[in-house]
Structures are given as C-alpha cells and as structure tokens.
C-alpha cells in the first residue's frame, strides 16, 4: 500500500497472514487517515490495539510513515510453520505463539513466529519464519 505524504510516499506492506485478527488490524491501519494530526511534531506515533496484539506506526514531521511494529499473540499459524514444527519436533505440542512483523521505510525488517513447544516436562522456545524455516 502506497500513500502520498506531502512530497514523499509512505509504503506499508500488509502481511498475508492466515489469522483473521491480524488481517483486520492491518486493514484498520490501512484505512486510518492521518490527516494533519502529525503537524507540529518531529515524530508522530499511531498505536492500534486488538485483543491479540498491537500495531505501532511512526511517522516523521512530513507525515511520512517511517516504521511499523506489529506484535500478536496466539494467532493462527501458517501451515508451513505447523508442518515444520511437527516434522522436526515429532511428539511436541505448540503451547504458545507470538508473531512479530516489523518494517522500516517500506522494507520488511523482521517477520517471524516465536513459539513455545512442549513435550512431557521439556519446554523449548524456537523462532520460525513464515516459510517454515526454523531459525533457532
């Protein structure tokens, strides 16, 4: 999504997340009209929240979007993420998940799932990309 911001353009790349709540908050952000709220400030912060997470966007003094940080909990995971966990960790159960998605100047900086998995009394924390690649 590209929006005009004075002489500049703001770029926001919504995620094609399988979770309806993530998409709804992103759509609310896309629909948000900054208007002239930013005038008189060096930076302007917009925070949108839902029960599952938040989206924080920072604009500069010209009204140009400079960064977006999205943080969600207990979201519907992509099939590739679920498949890679159960393939590499047979018998383990995903007990908690967080989705982190950050952008700066229209470039994706981070897009990952932080998962807590459990098997019997053993608990591990792992990080997985939406493609299913296990980072850690």
N, C-alpha and C. Protein backbone atom coordinates (compact mmCIF):
# COMPACT_ATOMS: atom_id res chain seq x y z
N UNK A 1 0.85 -1.17 0.00
CA UNK A 1 0.00 0.00 0.00
C UNK A 1 0.90 1.23 0.00
N UNK A 2 0.67 2.11 -0.94
CA UNK A 2 1.45 3.34 -1.04
C UNK A 2 0.50 4.52 -0.87
N UNK A 3 0.85 5.42 0.04
CA UNK A 3 0.04 6.62 0.27
C UNK A 3 0.92 7.85 0.11
N UNK A 4 0.33 8.91 -0.38
CA UNK A 4 1.05 10.18 -0.51
C UNK A 4 1.20 10.82 0.86
N UNK A 5 2.40 11.36 1.11
CA UNK A 5 2.68 12.08 2.37
C UNK A 5 3.42 13.35 1.99
N UNK A 6 2.68 14.37 1.60
CA UNK A 6 3.32 15.59 1.13
C UNK A 6 4.04 15.30 -0.17
N UNK A 7 5.34 15.57 -0.21
CA UNK A 7 6.14 15.29 -1.40
C UNK A 7 6.67 13.86 -1.38
N UNK A 8 6.53 13.19 -0.24
CA UNK A 8 7.02 11.82 -0.09
C UNK A 8 5.88 10.83 -0.23
N UNK A 9 6.27 9.56 -0.26
CA UNK A 9 5.29 8.49 -0.26
C UNK A 9 5.58 7.56 0.90
N UNK A 10 4.52 7.09 1.53
CA UNK A 10 4.64 6.11 2.60
C UNK A 10 4.32 4.74 2.02
N UNK A 11 5.11 3.75 2.40
CA UNK A 11 4.89 2.40 1.92
C UNK A 11 4.65 1.49 3.11
N UNK A 12 3.56 0.72 3.04
CA UNK A 12 3.25 -0.28 4.06
C UNK A 12 2.92 -1.58 3.35
N UNK A 13 3.57 -2.65 3.77
CA UNK A 13 3.34 -3.96 3.16
C UNK A 13 2.56 -4.84 4.13
N UNK A 14 1.24 -4.97 3.95
CA UNK A 14 0.47 -5.83 4.84
C UNK A 14 0.89 -7.29 4.64
N UNK A 15 0.84 -8.04 5.72
CA UNK A 15 1.22 -9.45 5.66
C UNK A 15 0.02 -10.27 5.20
N UNK A 16 0.28 -11.32 4.46
CA UNK A 16 -0.80 -12.23 4.05
C UNK A 16 -0.94 -13.31 5.12
N UNK A 17 -1.21 -12.87 6.32
CA UNK A 17 -1.28 -13.77 7.47
C UNK A 17 -2.57 -14.56 7.45
N UNK A 18 -2.51 -15.85 7.83
CA UNK A 18 -3.74 -16.64 7.84
C UNK A 18 -4.71 -16.24 8.95
N UNK A 19 -4.24 -15.48 9.95
CA UNK A 19 -5.10 -15.12 11.07
C UNK A 19 -5.98 -13.91 10.73
N UNK A 20 -7.26 -14.09 10.89
CA UNK A 20 -8.24 -13.06 10.56
C UNK A 20 -8.04 -11.79 11.40
N UNK A 21 -7.67 -11.94 12.67
CA UNK A 21 -7.49 -10.78 13.55
C UNK A 21 -6.29 -9.94 13.14
N UNK A 22 -5.23 -10.58 12.67
CA UNK A 22 -4.05 -9.86 12.19
C UNK A 22 -4.44 -9.04 10.96
N UNK A 23 -5.11 -9.69 10.02
CA UNK A 23 -5.53 -9.00 8.80
C UNK A 23 -6.49 -7.85 9.10
N UNK A 24 -7.37 -8.03 10.08
CA UNK A 24 -8.33 -6.97 10.43
C UNK A 24 -7.62 -5.74 10.99
N UNK A 25 -6.63 -5.94 11.86
CA UNK A 25 -5.90 -4.80 12.42
C UNK A 25 -5.07 -4.11 11.34
N UNK A 26 -4.49 -4.89 10.44
CA UNK A 26 -3.73 -4.30 9.33
C UNK A 26 -4.65 -3.50 8.42
N UNK A 27 -5.85 -4.00 8.18
CA UNK A 27 -6.80 -3.28 7.34
C UNK A 27 -7.25 -1.99 8.02
N UNK A 28 -7.42 -2.04 9.34
CA UNK A 28 -7.78 -0.83 10.09
C UNK A 28 -6.68 0.22 9.94
N UNK A 29 -5.42 -0.23 9.99
CA UNK A 29 -4.29 0.69 9.83
C UNK A 29 -4.27 1.29 8.43
N UNK A 30 -4.49 0.46 7.42
CA UNK A 30 -4.50 0.94 6.03
C UNK A 30 -5.60 1.99 5.85
N UNK A 31 -6.74 1.80 6.51
CA UNK A 31 -7.87 2.72 6.40
C UNK A 31 -7.69 3.99 7.23
N UNK A 32 -6.73 3.97 8.15
CA UNK A 32 -6.52 5.11 9.05
C UNK A 32 -6.10 6.34 8.25
N UNK A 33 -6.75 7.46 8.52
CA UNK A 33 -6.42 8.71 7.84
C UNK A 33 -5.64 9.59 8.80
N UNK A 34 -4.37 9.76 8.53
CA UNK A 34 -3.51 10.57 9.39
C UNK A 34 -3.92 12.04 9.35
N UNK A 35 -4.46 12.47 8.23
CA UNK A 35 -4.87 13.87 8.09
C UNK A 35 -3.71 14.80 8.38
N UNK A 36 -3.93 15.76 9.23
CA UNK A 36 -2.87 16.70 9.60
C UNK A 36 -2.49 16.54 11.07
N UNK A 37 -2.81 15.39 11.66
CA UNK A 37 -2.51 15.13 13.07
C UNK A 37 -1.03 15.25 13.38
N UNK A 38 -0.19 14.94 12.41
CA UNK A 38 1.26 14.91 12.63
C UNK A 38 1.89 16.31 12.68
N UNK A 39 1.17 17.31 12.18
CA UNK A 39 1.75 18.66 12.07
C UNK A 39 2.14 19.20 13.45
N UNK A 40 3.34 19.77 13.52
CA UNK A 40 3.83 20.34 14.76
C UNK A 40 4.65 19.37 15.59
N UNK A 41 4.81 18.14 15.10
CA UNK A 41 5.58 17.12 15.83
C UNK A 41 6.77 16.67 14.98
N UNK A 42 7.89 16.36 15.65
CA UNK A 42 9.04 15.79 14.94
C UNK A 42 8.71 14.38 14.48
N UNK A 43 8.09 13.61 15.38
CA UNK A 43 7.62 12.27 15.04
C UNK A 43 6.22 12.12 15.62
N UNK A 44 5.45 11.25 15.00
CA UNK A 44 4.07 11.04 15.41
C UNK A 44 3.83 9.54 15.46
N UNK A 45 3.29 9.05 16.59
CA UNK A 45 3.08 7.63 16.80
C UNK A 45 1.60 7.30 16.77
N UNK A 46 1.24 6.29 15.98
CA UNK A 46 -0.13 5.79 15.93
C UNK A 46 -0.09 4.37 16.46
N UNK A 47 -0.93 4.07 17.46
CA UNK A 47 -0.99 2.73 18.03
C UNK A 47 -2.41 2.20 17.90
N UNK A 48 -2.53 1.04 17.26
CA UNK A 48 -3.81 0.35 17.14
C UNK A 48 -3.69 -0.95 17.92
N UNK A 49 -4.73 -1.29 18.69
CA UNK A 49 -4.66 -2.50 19.50
C UNK A 49 -5.90 -3.35 19.30
N UNK A 50 -5.69 -4.66 19.46
CA UNK A 50 -6.78 -5.61 19.47
C UNK A 50 -6.52 -6.56 20.65
N UNK A 51 -7.41 -7.49 20.87
CA UNK A 51 -7.21 -8.43 21.97
C UNK A 51 -5.98 -9.31 21.74
N UNK A 52 -5.62 -9.53 20.49
CA UNK A 52 -4.50 -10.42 20.19
C UNK A 52 -3.18 -9.70 19.95
N UNK A 53 -3.20 -8.38 19.83
CA UNK A 53 -1.93 -7.73 19.56
C UNK A 53 -2.05 -6.24 19.32
N UNK A 54 -0.96 -5.71 18.75
CA UNK A 54 -0.92 -4.27 18.50
C UNK A 54 -0.11 -3.96 17.25
N UNK A 55 -0.38 -2.79 16.70
CA UNK A 55 0.35 -2.28 15.55
C UNK A 55 0.73 -0.84 15.91
N UNK A 56 2.03 -0.56 15.90
CA UNK A 56 2.53 0.78 16.20
C UNK A 56 3.23 1.33 14.96
N UNK A 57 2.80 2.50 14.53
CA UNK A 57 3.38 3.12 13.34
C UNK A 57 3.96 4.48 13.70
N UNK A 58 5.16 4.76 13.19
CA UNK A 58 5.82 6.04 13.44
C UNK A 58 5.90 6.82 12.13
N UNK A 59 5.51 8.09 12.21
CA UNK A 59 5.56 9.00 11.07
C UNK A 59 6.55 10.11 11.37
N UNK A 60 7.20 10.65 10.34
CA UNK A 60 8.12 11.77 10.55
C UNK A 60 7.36 13.10 10.50
N UNK A 61 8.09 14.20 10.60
CA UNK A 61 7.48 15.53 10.64
C UNK A 61 6.74 15.91 9.35
N UNK A 62 7.00 15.18 8.26
CA UNK A 62 6.29 15.43 6.99
C UNK A 62 5.07 14.53 6.82
N UNK A 63 4.82 13.66 7.79
CA UNK A 63 3.70 12.74 7.69
C UNK A 63 4.04 11.48 6.93
N UNK A 64 5.33 11.23 6.71
CA UNK A 64 5.76 10.02 6.00
C UNK A 64 5.92 8.88 7.01
N UNK A 65 5.37 7.73 6.67
CA UNK A 65 5.49 6.54 7.50
C UNK A 65 6.94 6.08 7.50
N UNK A 66 7.56 5.98 8.68
CA UNK A 66 8.97 5.57 8.75
C UNK A 66 9.14 4.16 9.28
N UNK A 67 8.26 3.71 10.18
CA UNK A 67 8.39 2.34 10.68
C UNK A 67 7.06 1.83 11.21
N UNK A 68 6.94 0.50 11.18
CA UNK A 68 5.76 -0.18 11.71
C UNK A 68 6.24 -1.39 12.49
N UNK A 69 5.70 -1.57 13.69
CA UNK A 69 6.00 -2.74 14.50
C UNK A 69 4.67 -3.39 14.86
N UNK A 70 4.54 -4.66 14.48
CA UNK A 70 3.33 -5.41 14.79
C UNK A 70 3.69 -6.59 15.68
N UNK A 71 2.88 -6.79 16.71
CA UNK A 71 3.11 -7.84 17.68
C UNK A 71 1.78 -8.51 17.99
N UNK A 72 1.68 -9.82 17.78
CA UNK A 72 0.43 -10.54 18.01
C UNK A 72 0.71 -11.80 18.81
N UNK A 73 -0.28 -12.25 19.58
CA UNK A 73 -0.15 -13.47 20.36
C UNK A 73 -1.28 -14.43 20.03
N UNK A 74 -0.96 -15.71 20.10
CA UNK A 74 -1.93 -16.78 19.90
C UNK A 74 -2.71 -16.61 18.60
N UNK A 75 -1.96 -16.52 17.51
CA UNK A 75 -2.57 -16.36 16.19
C UNK A 75 -2.64 -17.71 15.47
N UNK A 76 -3.43 -17.74 14.43
CA UNK A 76 -3.48 -18.93 13.58
C UNK A 76 -2.16 -19.00 12.82
N UNK A 77 -1.46 -20.11 12.95
CA UNK A 77 -0.15 -20.26 12.32
C UNK A 77 -0.29 -20.71 10.87
N UNK A 78 0.64 -20.26 10.01
CA UNK A 78 0.65 -20.75 8.64
C UNK A 78 0.91 -22.26 8.61
N UNK A 79 0.35 -22.93 7.63
CA UNK A 79 0.51 -24.38 7.51
C UNK A 79 1.98 -24.77 7.44
N UNK A 80 2.82 -23.98 6.76
CA UNK A 80 4.25 -24.31 6.64
C UNK A 80 4.94 -24.29 7.99
N UNK A 81 4.53 -23.38 8.87
CA UNK A 81 5.12 -23.31 10.21
C UNK A 81 4.73 -24.55 11.01
N UNK A 82 3.45 -24.88 11.00
CA UNK A 82 2.97 -26.05 11.73
C UNK A 82 3.65 -27.31 11.22
N UNK A 83 3.73 -27.46 9.90
CA UNK A 83 4.33 -28.64 9.31
C UNK A 83 5.80 -28.79 9.73
N UNK A 84 6.56 -27.71 9.67
CA UNK A 84 7.99 -27.81 10.01
C UNK A 84 8.20 -28.15 11.48
N UNK A 85 7.34 -27.64 12.36
CA UNK A 85 7.47 -27.97 13.78
C UNK A 85 7.20 -29.45 14.00
N UNK A 86 6.11 -29.94 13.48
CA UNK A 86 5.76 -31.34 13.70
C UNK A 86 6.69 -32.30 12.96
N UNK A 87 7.32 -31.83 11.90
CA UNK A 87 8.30 -32.65 11.18
C UNK A 87 9.62 -32.73 11.97
N UNK A 88 10.10 -31.58 12.43
CA UNK A 88 11.39 -31.53 13.13
C UNK A 88 11.28 -31.85 14.62
N UNK A 89 10.09 -31.72 15.18
CA UNK A 89 9.88 -31.99 16.60
C UNK A 89 8.68 -32.92 16.79
N UNK A 90 8.80 -34.17 16.32
CA UNK A 90 7.67 -35.10 16.44
C UNK A 90 7.31 -35.33 17.92
N UNK A 91 6.03 -35.33 18.20
CA UNK A 91 5.56 -35.56 19.56
C UNK A 91 5.49 -34.29 20.41
N UNK A 92 5.95 -33.17 19.87
CA UNK A 92 5.93 -31.90 20.59
C UNK A 92 4.62 -31.18 20.28
N UNK A 93 4.19 -30.33 21.20
CA UNK A 93 2.97 -29.55 21.04
C UNK A 93 3.29 -28.07 21.14
N UNK A 94 2.70 -27.28 20.27
CA UNK A 94 2.86 -25.82 20.34
C UNK A 94 1.92 -25.32 21.43
N UNK A 95 2.50 -24.70 22.47
CA UNK A 95 1.67 -24.24 23.59
C UNK A 95 1.48 -22.73 23.61
N UNK A 96 2.33 -22.00 22.91
CA UNK A 96 2.21 -20.54 22.88
C UNK A 96 2.88 -20.02 21.63
N UNK A 97 2.32 -18.96 21.04
CA UNK A 97 2.97 -18.38 19.87
C UNK A 97 2.83 -16.87 19.87
N UNK A 98 3.83 -16.23 19.26
CA UNK A 98 3.84 -14.78 19.06
C UNK A 98 4.29 -14.54 17.63
N UNK A 99 3.67 -13.57 16.99
CA UNK A 99 4.04 -13.19 15.63
C UNK A 99 4.58 -11.77 15.67
N UNK A 100 5.80 -11.58 15.18
CA UNK A 100 6.44 -10.27 15.14
C UNK A 100 6.69 -9.89 13.69
N UNK A 101 6.25 -8.69 13.33
CA UNK A 101 6.37 -8.22 11.95
C UNK A 101 6.78 -6.76 12.00
N UNK A 102 7.97 -6.44 11.49
CA UNK A 102 8.44 -5.05 11.53
C UNK A 102 8.87 -4.58 10.15
N UNK A 103 8.65 -3.29 9.91
CA UNK A 103 9.04 -2.66 8.65
C UNK A 103 9.68 -1.32 8.94
N UNK A 104 10.60 -0.95 8.07
CA UNK A 104 11.23 0.37 8.17
C UNK A 104 11.35 0.91 6.76
N UNK A 105 10.81 2.10 6.54
CA UNK A 105 10.85 2.75 5.23
C UNK A 105 10.32 1.84 4.11
N UNK A 106 9.32 1.01 4.41
CA UNK A 106 8.72 0.14 3.41
C UNK A 106 9.44 -1.17 3.19
N UNK A 107 10.52 -1.43 3.93
CA UNK A 107 11.25 -2.69 3.82
C UNK A 107 10.96 -3.56 5.04
N UNK A 108 10.70 -4.83 4.80
CA UNK A 108 10.44 -5.76 5.89
C UNK A 108 11.75 -6.04 6.62
N UNK A 109 11.77 -5.77 7.92
CA UNK A 109 12.95 -5.99 8.74
C UNK A 109 12.90 -7.35 9.44
N UNK A 110 11.72 -7.70 9.94
CA UNK A 110 11.58 -8.94 10.69
C UNK A 110 10.18 -9.48 10.48
N UNK A 111 10.10 -10.78 10.28
CA UNK A 111 8.82 -11.46 10.10
C UNK A 111 9.02 -12.88 10.62
N UNK A 112 8.59 -13.11 11.86
CA UNK A 112 8.89 -14.39 12.48
C UNK A 112 7.86 -14.76 13.54
N UNK A 113 7.82 -16.05 13.81
CA UNK A 113 6.97 -16.59 14.86
C UNK A 113 7.86 -17.08 15.99
N UNK A 114 7.58 -16.60 17.19
CA UNK A 114 8.28 -17.08 18.39
C UNK A 114 7.35 -18.09 19.05
N UNK A 115 7.78 -19.34 19.06
CA UNK A 115 6.92 -20.41 19.55
C UNK A 115 7.48 -21.03 20.82
N UNK A 116 6.57 -21.46 21.68
CA UNK A 116 6.95 -22.25 22.84
C UNK A 116 6.34 -23.63 22.60
N UNK A 117 7.21 -24.64 22.59
CA UNK A 117 6.73 -26.00 22.35
C UNK A 117 7.03 -26.86 23.58
N UNK A 118 6.24 -27.91 23.74
CA UNK A 118 6.37 -28.73 24.95
C UNK A 118 6.20 -30.21 24.60
N UNK A 119 7.00 -31.02 25.28
CA UNK A 119 6.89 -32.48 25.18
C UNK A 119 7.18 -33.01 26.57
N UNK A 120 6.19 -33.65 27.17
CA UNK A 120 6.28 -34.11 28.56
C UNK A 120 6.61 -32.90 29.45
N UNK A 121 7.74 -32.93 30.16
CA UNK A 121 8.12 -31.80 31.02
C UNK A 121 9.17 -30.90 30.38
N UNK A 122 9.52 -31.19 29.13
CA UNK A 122 10.54 -30.41 28.42
C UNK A 122 9.86 -29.28 27.63
N UNK A 123 10.34 -28.05 27.83
CA UNK A 123 9.79 -26.89 27.13
C UNK A 123 10.93 -26.21 26.37
N UNK A 124 10.67 -25.84 25.12
CA UNK A 124 11.67 -25.14 24.31
C UNK A 124 11.03 -23.94 23.63
N UNK A 125 11.88 -22.94 23.39
CA UNK A 125 11.46 -21.77 22.63
C UNK A 125 12.18 -21.80 21.30
N UNK A 126 11.43 -21.63 20.23
CA UNK A 126 12.03 -21.64 18.90
C UNK A 126 11.47 -20.47 18.08
N UNK A 127 12.24 -20.08 17.08
CA UNK A 127 11.84 -19.00 16.18
C UNK A 127 11.73 -19.59 14.78
N UNK A 128 10.60 -19.31 14.13
CA UNK A 128 10.33 -19.88 12.81
C UNK A 128 9.88 -18.77 11.86
N UNK A 129 10.41 -18.79 10.64
CA UNK A 129 9.95 -17.86 9.61
C UNK A 129 8.62 -18.37 9.04
N UNK A 130 7.82 -17.51 8.43
CA UNK A 130 6.55 -17.95 7.85
C UNK A 130 6.70 -19.04 6.79
N UNK A 131 7.90 -19.16 6.22
CA UNK A 131 8.15 -20.20 5.22
C UNK A 131 8.33 -21.57 5.86
N UNK A 132 8.43 -21.61 7.19
CA UNK A 132 8.65 -22.86 7.90
C UNK A 132 10.10 -23.07 8.30
N UNK A 133 10.99 -22.19 7.86
CA UNK A 133 12.41 -22.31 8.21
C UNK A 133 12.59 -22.02 9.70
N UNK A 134 13.18 -22.99 10.40
CA UNK A 134 13.43 -22.82 11.83
C UNK A 134 14.75 -22.09 11.99
N UNK A 135 14.71 -20.92 12.63
CA UNK A 135 15.90 -20.08 12.80
C UNK A 135 16.68 -20.49 14.03
N UNK A 136 15.95 -20.79 15.11
CA UNK A 136 16.62 -21.11 16.37
C UNK A 136 15.73 -21.98 17.20
